Protein backbone atom coordinates (compact mmCIF):
# COMPACT_ATOMS: atom_id res chain seq x y z
CA MET A 1 23.81 -11.24 -19.21
CA PRO A 2 22.89 -12.40 -22.73
CA GLU A 3 25.48 -10.23 -24.49
CA ASP A 4 28.23 -11.55 -22.21
CA GLN A 5 27.21 -15.12 -23.00
CA LEU A 6 27.17 -14.37 -26.71
CA ARG A 7 30.67 -12.86 -26.59
CA ALA A 8 32.06 -15.70 -24.51
CA GLY A 9 30.22 -18.43 -26.38
CA HIS A 10 29.18 -19.83 -22.99
CA ILE A 11 25.97 -21.77 -22.52
CA PRO A 12 25.14 -23.48 -19.20
CA ALA A 13 25.33 -27.30 -19.38
CA ASP A 14 21.66 -27.89 -18.55
CA VAL A 15 20.59 -25.55 -21.35
CA TYR A 16 23.20 -26.95 -23.74
CA ARG A 17 21.55 -30.38 -23.53
CA GLN A 18 18.21 -28.88 -24.64
CA ILE A 19 19.60 -27.31 -27.83
CA PRO A 20 18.68 -29.32 -30.95
CA PRO A 21 21.59 -30.95 -32.82
CA GLY A 22 23.08 -28.85 -35.62
CA THR A 23 22.34 -25.51 -33.91
CA ASP A 24 25.16 -22.95 -34.00
CA VAL A 25 25.81 -22.41 -30.30
CA HIS A 26 27.49 -19.08 -31.02
CA ARG A 27 24.15 -17.70 -32.17
CA VAL A 28 22.17 -18.91 -29.14
CA VAL A 29 21.27 -16.21 -26.63
CA ILE A 30 19.71 -17.06 -23.31
CA VAL A 31 17.15 -14.51 -22.21
CA GLN A 32 16.61 -14.26 -18.50
CA GLU A 33 13.53 -12.83 -16.84
CA ALA A 34 14.08 -9.45 -15.23
CA PRO A 35 14.04 -9.43 -11.44
CA ARG A 36 10.71 -8.49 -9.91
CA SER A 37 10.30 -4.88 -8.88
CA TYR A 38 8.67 -4.30 -5.49
CA LYS A 39 8.42 -0.55 -6.01
CA GLY A 40 4.75 -0.61 -7.08
CA PRO A 41 3.38 -2.71 -4.19
CA ILE A 42 5.40 -0.71 -1.64
CA VAL A 43 4.11 2.61 -2.98
CA LEU A 44 0.55 1.25 -3.06
CA THR A 45 0.84 0.12 0.58
CA LEU A 46 2.16 3.53 1.65
CA VAL A 47 -0.64 5.33 -0.22
CA ILE A 48 -3.30 3.13 1.40
CA ALA A 49 -1.80 3.62 4.88
CA GLY A 50 -1.55 7.37 4.34
CA GLY A 51 -5.13 7.52 3.10
CA ALA A 52 -6.38 5.59 6.13
CA VAL A 53 -4.54 7.93 8.51
CA THR A 54 -5.95 10.95 6.66
CA VAL A 55 -9.51 9.60 6.89
CA LEU A 56 -9.12 8.96 10.63
CA LEU A 57 -7.77 12.48 11.19
CA VAL A 58 -10.67 14.02 9.26
CA ILE A 59 -13.20 11.98 11.26
CA ALA A 60 -11.55 13.06 14.53
CA TYR A 61 -11.63 16.70 13.43
CA VAL A 62 -15.30 16.53 12.42
CA VAL A 63 -16.23 14.91 15.75
CA GLN A 64 -14.33 17.66 17.59
CA VAL A 65 -16.13 20.40 15.63
CA ILE A 66 -19.53 18.80 16.30
CA ALA A 67 -18.75 18.48 20.02
CA ALA A 68 -17.59 22.11 20.20
CA ALA A 69 -20.74 23.26 18.40
CA ALA A 70 -22.92 21.26 20.78
CA VAL A 71 -21.20 22.80 23.81
CA ALA A 72 -21.63 26.28 22.32
CA VAL A 73 -25.34 25.71 21.69
CA ILE A 74 -25.89 24.36 25.18
CA SER A 75 -23.98 27.25 26.75
CA ALA A 76 -25.88 29.85 24.69
CA SER A 77 -29.25 28.40 25.59
CA GLY A 78 -28.62 28.70 29.32
CA GLY A 79 -27.47 25.21 29.94
CA ILE A 80 -29.39 22.07 30.64
CA SER A 81 -31.22 21.55 33.86
CA TYR A 82 -32.33 18.23 35.15
CA THR A 83 -34.57 17.84 38.15
CA ILE A 84 -35.64 14.78 40.02
CA ASN A 85 -39.07 14.84 41.56
CA ARG A 86 -39.35 12.55 44.50
CA ARG A 87 -42.54 12.01 46.35
CA HIS A 88 -42.34 11.98 50.11
CA LYS A 89 -44.36 9.34 51.95
């Protein structure tokens, strides 16, 4: 951590070579990039997956309601009859 380096007066050798001559090494602080957070992409993936499952469930429910309504209409109208007329020779 930068504050630990400042207290200890420690600078890594590869960075020490890059410091211009005459620089007070006790005033040099090395700032490191924060580690990447994967929280956002994970939450986004879960939201997308949950949304896709929800959409599929809604579609399945709507199809079920339409099928039930069609069966009710067919039953109420007396059913469907289908006849085949064949001519005898």
